[in-house]
Amino acid sequence: MGILDTFKRKNTTKPAASKKPAKASVKATKPKSVKPVASSDVKELSVANILVKPAYTEKSFKLQAQNKYVFYVALDANKHQVRMAVKQTYGSEPMTVHMVRMKPQTLYRWGKETGTRKGFKKAIVTMPVGTTLPVTK
């Protein structure tokens, strides 16, 4: 039983008088300096910069039959900005906007890494029934 005794909690009680109150050490902390954000640091996207170009692929032309249009958009654009840009550019409000982020791909040739393909972001915009957008070439 000697091995199991090492795992038992030993009851050691100290008299309450021998305990000394712990000093409350309060360090004076300096407030963190907040760096003001310059207007040049914040990148504002204009409507012209949100929609880069429409996608001209077989899949995008098949989706147009379902009132879905595919656009390449800026990497830092979000759904609300794309919705606003489509409304201002084409004059009609989209029903839904889905975003797809394509990551950069490494290109290999003969087992060697030869470079990378640029990443991009796509938006699939669903328009109401009967609405068409002039996005053909």
N, C-alpha and C. Protein backbone atom coordinates (compact mmCIF):
# COMPACT_ATOMS: atom_id res chain seq x y z
N MET A 1 0.81 -1.20 0.00
CA MET A 1 0.00 0.00 0.00
C MET A 1 0.85 1.25 0.00
N GLY A 2 2.13 1.12 -0.03
CA GLY A 2 2.99 2.29 -0.01
C GLY A 2 2.86 3.13 -1.27
N ILE A 3 2.63 2.49 -2.42
CA ILE A 3 2.52 3.24 -3.67
C ILE A 3 1.23 4.04 -3.69
N LEU A 4 0.13 3.47 -3.22
CA LEU A 4 -1.15 4.16 -3.25
C LEU A 4 -1.21 5.30 -2.25
N ASP A 5 -0.40 5.25 -1.23
CA ASP A 5 -0.40 6.32 -0.23
C ASP A 5 0.14 7.63 -0.82
N THR A 6 0.93 7.55 -1.85
CA THR A 6 1.49 8.77 -2.42
C THR A 6 0.43 9.59 -3.15
N PHE A 7 -0.64 8.94 -3.59
CA PHE A 7 -1.68 9.64 -4.30
C PHE A 7 -2.74 10.23 -3.38
N LYS A 8 -2.72 9.83 -2.13
CA LYS A 8 -3.70 10.36 -1.20
C LYS A 8 -3.34 11.78 -0.82
N ARG A 9 -4.38 12.55 -0.56
CA ARG A 9 -4.16 13.92 -0.13
C ARG A 9 -3.80 13.92 1.35
N LYS A 10 -2.72 14.59 1.63
CA LYS A 10 -2.28 14.64 3.03
C LYS A 10 -2.98 15.80 3.72
N ASN A 11 -3.46 15.53 4.88
CA ASN A 11 -4.17 16.52 5.66
C ASN A 11 -3.17 17.27 6.52
N THR A 12 -2.80 18.42 6.07
CA THR A 12 -1.91 19.24 6.89
C THR A 12 -2.64 20.53 7.17
N THR A 13 -2.90 20.75 8.41
CA THR A 13 -3.60 21.98 8.79
C THR A 13 -2.62 22.86 9.53
N LYS A 14 -2.68 24.11 9.18
CA LYS A 14 -1.84 25.10 9.86
C LYS A 14 -2.74 25.96 10.71
N PRO A 15 -2.25 26.41 11.76
CA PRO A 15 -3.07 27.28 12.59
C PRO A 15 -3.39 28.58 11.85
N ALA A 16 -4.57 29.11 12.08
CA ALA A 16 -5.03 30.31 11.39
C ALA A 16 -4.19 31.52 11.76
N ALA A 17 -3.59 31.53 12.92
CA ALA A 17 -2.82 32.68 13.36
C ALA A 17 -1.51 32.78 12.58
N SER A 18 -1.02 31.67 12.07
CA SER A 18 0.26 31.72 11.37
C SER A 18 0.12 32.24 9.93
N LYS A 19 -1.11 32.32 9.46
CA LYS A 19 -1.29 32.83 8.10
C LYS A 19 -1.14 34.35 8.12
N LYS A 20 -0.35 34.82 7.17
CA LYS A 20 -0.17 36.26 7.04
C LYS A 20 -1.04 36.73 5.88
N PRO A 21 -1.67 37.85 6.04
CA PRO A 21 -2.48 38.36 4.93
C PRO A 21 -1.58 38.74 3.75
N ALA A 22 -2.02 38.36 2.59
CA ALA A 22 -1.24 38.65 1.40
C ALA A 22 -1.40 40.11 1.03
N LYS A 23 -0.29 40.69 0.63
CA LYS A 23 -0.33 42.08 0.24
C LYS A 23 -0.96 42.19 -1.14
N ALA A 24 -1.82 43.13 -1.27
CA ALA A 24 -2.44 43.36 -2.57
C ALA A 24 -1.53 44.29 -3.36
N SER A 25 -0.83 43.72 -4.29
CA SER A 25 0.09 44.54 -5.08
C SER A 25 -0.64 45.00 -6.34
N VAL A 26 -0.79 46.26 -6.43
CA VAL A 26 -1.46 46.84 -7.58
C VAL A 26 -0.41 47.56 -8.42
N LYS A 27 -0.25 47.08 -9.63
CA LYS A 27 0.71 47.72 -10.51
C LYS A 27 -0.01 48.83 -11.26
N ALA A 28 0.68 49.91 -11.39
CA ALA A 28 0.11 51.01 -12.16
C ALA A 28 0.30 50.69 -13.64
N THR A 29 -0.80 50.44 -14.31
CA THR A 29 -0.71 50.11 -15.72
C THR A 29 -1.00 51.35 -16.54
N LYS A 30 -0.19 51.51 -17.55
CA LYS A 30 -0.39 52.64 -18.43
C LYS A 30 -1.48 52.29 -19.43
N PRO A 31 -2.33 53.23 -19.72
CA PRO A 31 -3.33 52.94 -20.75
C PRO A 31 -2.64 52.78 -22.10
N LYS A 32 -3.13 51.80 -22.85
CA LYS A 32 -2.53 51.55 -24.15
C LYS A 32 -2.80 52.73 -25.06
N SER A 33 -1.77 53.12 -25.75
CA SER A 33 -1.94 54.24 -26.66
C SER A 33 -2.70 53.77 -27.89
N VAL A 34 -3.72 54.49 -28.22
CA VAL A 34 -4.54 54.15 -29.37
C VAL A 34 -4.04 54.96 -30.56
N LYS A 35 -3.66 54.24 -31.59
CA LYS A 35 -3.16 54.90 -32.78
C LYS A 35 -4.34 55.40 -33.60
N PRO A 36 -4.38 56.67 -33.90
CA PRO A 36 -5.50 57.16 -34.70
C PRO A 36 -5.41 56.61 -36.11
N VAL A 37 -6.55 56.25 -36.65
CA VAL A 37 -6.60 55.68 -37.99
C VAL A 37 -6.64 56.81 -38.99
N ALA A 38 -5.65 56.83 -39.86
CA ALA A 38 -5.63 57.85 -40.90
C ALA A 38 -6.61 57.49 -41.99
N SER A 39 -7.10 58.47 -42.67
CA SER A 39 -8.08 58.20 -43.72
C SER A 39 -7.46 57.44 -44.87
N SER A 40 -6.14 57.52 -45.03
CA SER A 40 -5.48 56.80 -46.13
C SER A 40 -5.33 55.31 -45.79
N ASP A 41 -5.41 54.94 -44.48
CA ASP A 41 -5.27 53.54 -44.08
C ASP A 41 -6.53 52.74 -44.40
N VAL A 42 -7.70 53.37 -44.36
CA VAL A 42 -8.96 52.69 -44.60
C VAL A 42 -9.22 52.69 -46.10
N LYS A 43 -9.41 51.50 -46.67
CA LYS A 43 -9.64 51.41 -48.10
C LYS A 43 -11.13 51.40 -48.36
N GLU A 44 -11.59 52.44 -48.99
CA GLU A 44 -13.00 52.54 -49.35
C GLU A 44 -13.16 51.97 -50.76
N LEU A 45 -14.14 51.12 -50.94
CA LEU A 45 -14.40 50.56 -52.26
C LEU A 45 -15.51 51.36 -52.93
N SER A 46 -15.23 51.85 -54.11
CA SER A 46 -16.29 52.51 -54.86
C SER A 46 -17.05 51.47 -55.66
N VAL A 47 -18.17 51.85 -56.19
CA VAL A 47 -19.01 50.92 -56.93
C VAL A 47 -18.26 50.38 -58.15
N ALA A 48 -17.45 51.21 -58.76
CA ALA A 48 -16.70 50.79 -59.95
C ALA A 48 -15.63 49.76 -59.59
N ASN A 49 -15.14 49.77 -58.36
CA ASN A 49 -14.08 48.84 -57.96
C ASN A 49 -14.62 47.55 -57.37
N ILE A 50 -15.90 47.48 -57.04
CA ILE A 50 -16.45 46.26 -56.44
C ILE A 50 -16.65 45.19 -57.51
N LEU A 51 -17.39 45.50 -58.56
CA LEU A 51 -17.60 44.55 -59.66
C LEU A 51 -16.44 44.69 -60.63
N VAL A 52 -15.56 43.70 -60.68
CA VAL A 52 -14.40 43.78 -61.57
C VAL A 52 -14.83 43.52 -63.00
N LYS A 53 -15.48 42.38 -63.26
CA LYS A 53 -15.97 42.05 -64.60
C LYS A 53 -16.91 40.87 -64.49
N PRO A 54 -17.78 40.70 -65.48
CA PRO A 54 -18.63 39.51 -65.49
C PRO A 54 -17.81 38.30 -65.92
N ALA A 55 -18.22 37.12 -65.46
CA ALA A 55 -17.52 35.88 -65.81
C ALA A 55 -18.11 35.35 -67.11
N TYR A 56 -17.24 35.10 -68.09
CA TYR A 56 -17.66 34.55 -69.38
C TYR A 56 -17.20 33.09 -69.45
N THR A 57 -17.93 32.21 -68.81
CA THR A 57 -17.61 30.78 -68.83
C THR A 57 -18.86 30.00 -69.22
N GLU A 58 -18.67 28.73 -69.54
CA GLU A 58 -19.83 27.90 -69.90
C GLU A 58 -20.80 27.81 -68.73
N LYS A 59 -20.27 27.63 -67.56
CA LYS A 59 -21.13 27.48 -66.39
C LYS A 59 -21.92 28.77 -66.13
N SER A 60 -21.27 29.92 -66.30
CA SER A 60 -21.97 31.17 -66.04
C SER A 60 -23.09 31.41 -67.06
N PHE A 61 -22.88 30.98 -68.31
CA PHE A 61 -23.95 31.12 -69.31
C PHE A 61 -25.09 30.15 -69.04
N LYS A 62 -24.79 28.97 -68.50
CA LYS A 62 -25.86 28.05 -68.12
C LYS A 62 -26.66 28.59 -66.94
N LEU A 63 -25.98 29.28 -66.02
CA LEU A 63 -26.67 29.85 -64.86
C LEU A 63 -27.56 31.03 -65.25
N GLN A 64 -27.25 31.70 -66.36
CA GLN A 64 -28.07 32.83 -66.78
C GLN A 64 -29.49 32.39 -67.15
N ALA A 65 -29.64 31.12 -67.55
CA ALA A 65 -30.98 30.60 -67.84
C ALA A 65 -31.83 30.52 -66.56
N GLN A 66 -31.16 30.46 -65.40
CA GLN A 66 -31.86 30.41 -64.11
C GLN A 66 -31.89 31.78 -63.42
N ASN A 67 -31.62 32.85 -64.18
CA ASN A 67 -31.54 34.22 -63.66
C ASN A 67 -30.43 34.39 -62.63
N LYS A 68 -29.32 33.67 -62.79
CA LYS A 68 -28.16 33.82 -61.92
C LYS A 68 -27.00 34.34 -62.77
N TYR A 69 -26.37 35.39 -62.28
CA TYR A 69 -25.28 36.03 -63.01
C TYR A 69 -24.01 35.95 -62.15
N VAL A 70 -22.87 35.69 -62.80
CA VAL A 70 -21.61 35.50 -62.09
C VAL A 70 -20.70 36.69 -62.40
N PHE A 71 -20.15 37.28 -61.34
CA PHE A 71 -19.23 38.41 -61.48
C PHE A 71 -17.95 38.11 -60.70
N TYR A 72 -16.82 38.55 -61.25
CA TYR A 72 -15.59 38.59 -60.47
C TYR A 72 -15.64 39.90 -59.68
N VAL A 73 -15.35 39.81 -58.37
CA VAL A 73 -15.45 40.99 -57.51
C VAL A 73 -14.13 41.21 -56.80
N ALA A 74 -13.99 42.35 -56.15
CA ALA A 74 -12.78 42.67 -55.38
C ALA A 74 -12.64 41.70 -54.22
N LEU A 75 -11.40 41.42 -53.84
CA LEU A 75 -11.14 40.42 -52.79
C LEU A 75 -11.69 40.84 -51.43
N ASP A 76 -11.78 42.14 -51.17
CA ASP A 76 -12.27 42.58 -49.86
C ASP A 76 -13.71 43.08 -49.92
N ALA A 77 -14.44 42.74 -50.98
CA ALA A 77 -15.85 43.12 -51.08
C ALA A 77 -16.71 42.10 -50.35
N ASN A 78 -17.83 42.55 -49.80
CA ASN A 78 -18.75 41.64 -49.13
C ASN A 78 -20.10 41.62 -49.85
N LYS A 79 -21.03 40.82 -49.37
CA LYS A 79 -22.32 40.64 -50.05
C LYS A 79 -23.11 41.94 -50.16
N HIS A 80 -23.09 42.72 -49.10
CA HIS A 80 -23.87 43.95 -49.10
C HIS A 80 -23.34 44.94 -50.13
N GLN A 81 -22.01 45.01 -50.25
CA GLN A 81 -21.41 45.91 -51.23
C GLN A 81 -21.72 45.45 -52.65
N VAL A 82 -21.69 44.12 -52.88
CA VAL A 82 -21.99 43.59 -54.20
C VAL A 82 -23.45 43.86 -54.55
N ARG A 83 -24.35 43.67 -53.60
CA ARG A 83 -25.77 43.95 -53.82
C ARG A 83 -25.98 45.41 -54.20
N MET A 84 -25.32 46.32 -53.48
CA MET A 84 -25.44 47.74 -53.75
C MET A 84 -24.86 48.08 -55.12
N ALA A 85 -23.72 47.47 -55.50
CA ALA A 85 -23.08 47.76 -56.78
C ALA A 85 -23.94 47.28 -57.95
N VAL A 86 -24.54 46.10 -57.81
CA VAL A 86 -25.41 45.59 -58.88
C VAL A 86 -26.64 46.49 -59.02
N LYS A 87 -27.19 46.92 -57.91
CA LYS A 87 -28.37 47.78 -57.96
C LYS A 87 -28.05 49.11 -58.63
N GLN A 88 -26.88 49.70 -58.31
CA GLN A 88 -26.53 50.99 -58.90
C GLN A 88 -26.09 50.86 -60.35
N THR A 89 -25.45 49.74 -60.71
CA THR A 89 -24.95 49.58 -62.07
C THR A 89 -26.06 49.19 -63.03
N TYR A 90 -26.89 48.23 -62.65
CA TYR A 90 -27.89 47.69 -63.57
C TYR A 90 -29.31 48.16 -63.26
N GLY A 91 -29.52 48.80 -62.12
CA GLY A 91 -30.83 49.39 -61.83
C GLY A 91 -31.88 48.45 -61.28
N SER A 92 -31.52 47.24 -60.88
CA SER A 92 -32.51 46.34 -60.28
C SER A 92 -31.90 45.64 -59.08
N GLU A 93 -32.73 45.39 -58.09
CA GLU A 93 -32.28 44.80 -56.81
C GLU A 93 -32.17 43.28 -56.95
N PRO A 94 -31.00 42.69 -56.61
CA PRO A 94 -30.89 41.22 -56.66
C PRO A 94 -31.61 40.57 -55.49
N MET A 95 -32.08 39.34 -55.71
CA MET A 95 -32.74 38.60 -54.64
C MET A 95 -31.74 38.06 -53.65
N THR A 96 -30.72 37.34 -54.14
CA THR A 96 -29.68 36.77 -53.27
C THR A 96 -28.31 37.00 -53.88
N VAL A 97 -27.30 36.98 -53.02
CA VAL A 97 -25.91 37.09 -53.45
C VAL A 97 -25.11 36.01 -52.73
N HIS A 98 -24.43 35.16 -53.47
CA HIS A 98 -23.56 34.13 -52.90
C HIS A 98 -22.13 34.46 -53.29
N MET A 99 -21.21 34.31 -52.33
CA MET A 99 -19.80 34.63 -52.58
C MET A 99 -18.98 33.35 -52.58
N VAL A 100 -17.98 33.28 -53.48
CA VAL A 100 -17.08 32.13 -53.57
C VAL A 100 -15.66 32.68 -53.61
N ARG A 101 -14.83 32.22 -52.70
CA ARG A 101 -13.43 32.65 -52.64
C ARG A 101 -12.55 31.54 -53.20
N MET A 102 -11.84 31.83 -54.27
CA MET A 102 -10.93 30.86 -54.88
C MET A 102 -9.52 31.20 -54.42
N LYS A 103 -8.86 30.27 -53.75
CA LYS A 103 -7.53 30.52 -53.22
C LYS A 103 -6.49 30.42 -54.33
N PRO A 104 -5.32 31.05 -54.14
CA PRO A 104 -4.26 30.92 -55.14
C PRO A 104 -3.80 29.47 -55.26
N GLN A 105 -3.48 29.04 -56.48
CA GLN A 105 -3.05 27.66 -56.70
C GLN A 105 -1.59 27.64 -57.12
N THR A 106 -0.87 26.65 -56.62
CA THR A 106 0.52 26.46 -57.02
C THR A 106 0.55 25.67 -58.32
N LEU A 107 1.32 26.14 -59.26
CA LEU A 107 1.42 25.48 -60.56
C LEU A 107 2.68 24.62 -60.59
N TYR A 108 2.54 23.39 -61.07
CA TYR A 108 3.66 22.46 -61.17
C TYR A 108 3.84 22.05 -62.62
N ARG A 109 5.07 21.94 -63.05
CA ARG A 109 5.38 21.42 -64.37
C ARG A 109 6.60 20.53 -64.24
N TRP A 110 6.47 19.27 -64.70
CA TRP A 110 7.52 18.26 -64.61
C TRP A 110 8.00 18.09 -63.17
N GLY A 111 7.07 18.13 -62.23
CA GLY A 111 7.40 17.89 -60.83
C GLY A 111 8.02 19.07 -60.12
N LYS A 112 8.19 20.18 -60.81
CA LYS A 112 8.79 21.37 -60.17
C LYS A 112 7.74 22.45 -60.02
N GLU A 113 7.89 23.21 -58.97
CA GLU A 113 6.98 24.33 -58.74
C GLU A 113 7.40 25.47 -59.66
N THR A 114 6.48 25.92 -60.50
CA THR A 114 6.84 26.96 -61.46
C THR A 114 6.21 28.31 -61.16
N GLY A 115 5.30 28.38 -60.23
CA GLY A 115 4.67 29.65 -59.90
C GLY A 115 3.33 29.45 -59.23
N THR A 116 2.57 30.52 -59.13
CA THR A 116 1.25 30.45 -58.52
C THR A 116 0.24 31.15 -59.40
N ARG A 117 -0.97 30.63 -59.40
CA ARG A 117 -2.09 31.26 -60.09
C ARG A 117 -2.77 32.19 -59.10
N LYS A 118 -3.13 33.35 -59.55
CA LYS A 118 -3.69 34.37 -58.69
C LYS A 118 -5.04 33.92 -58.12
N GLY A 119 -5.31 34.27 -56.87
CA GLY A 119 -6.61 33.99 -56.26
C GLY A 119 -7.62 35.06 -56.65
N PHE A 120 -8.90 34.71 -56.56
CA PHE A 120 -9.94 35.67 -56.92
C PHE A 120 -11.20 35.36 -56.14
N LYS A 121 -12.17 36.24 -56.26
CA LYS A 121 -13.44 36.09 -55.57
C LYS A 121 -14.56 36.27 -56.58
N LYS A 122 -15.57 35.39 -56.51
CA LYS A 122 -16.71 35.46 -57.41
C LYS A 122 -17.98 35.72 -56.61
N ALA A 123 -18.93 36.37 -57.25
CA ALA A 123 -20.25 36.57 -56.67
C ALA A 123 -21.28 36.02 -57.64
N ILE A 124 -22.16 35.16 -57.13
CA ILE A 124 -23.25 34.63 -57.93
C ILE A 124 -24.51 35.36 -57.48
N VAL A 125 -25.05 36.19 -58.38
CA VAL A 125 -26.15 37.07 -58.06
C VAL A 125 -27.42 36.51 -58.68
N THR A 126 -28.44 36.26 -57.86
CA THR A 126 -29.73 35.78 -58.34
C THR A 126 -30.67 36.97 -58.49
N MET A 127 -31.20 37.15 -59.70
CA MET A 127 -32.10 38.26 -59.99
C MET A 127 -33.55 37.76 -59.97
N PRO A 128 -34.51 38.67 -59.79
CA PRO A 128 -35.92 38.26 -59.82
C PRO A 128 -36.30 37.72 -61.20
N VAL A 129 -37.37 36.94 -61.22
CA VAL A 129 -37.85 36.33 -62.48
C VAL A 129 -38.26 37.44 -63.44
N GLY A 130 -37.82 37.32 -64.69
CA GLY A 130 -38.16 38.30 -65.70
C GLY A 130 -37.15 39.43 -65.83
N THR A 131 -36.14 39.48 -64.96
CA THR A 131 -35.12 40.51 -65.02
C THR A 131 -33.89 39.95 -65.71
N THR A 132 -33.37 40.65 -66.68
CA THR A 132 -32.14 40.23 -67.36
C THR A 132 -31.13 41.36 -67.25
N LEU A 133 -29.86 40.98 -67.18
CA LEU A 133 -28.77 41.96 -67.13
C LEU A 133 -27.97 41.89 -68.42
N PRO A 134 -27.57 43.01 -68.97
CA PRO A 134 -26.78 43.00 -70.20
C PRO A 134 -25.30 42.77 -69.90
N VAL A 135 -24.90 41.52 -69.67
CA VAL A 135 -23.52 41.22 -69.31
C VAL A 135 -22.78 40.45 -70.40
N THR A 136 -23.39 40.26 -71.57
CA THR A 136 -22.70 39.52 -72.62
C THR A 136 -21.62 40.39 -73.25
N LYS A 137 -20.68 39.76 -73.94
CA LYS A 137 -19.55 40.47 -74.54
C LYS A 137 -19.98 41.45 -75.59
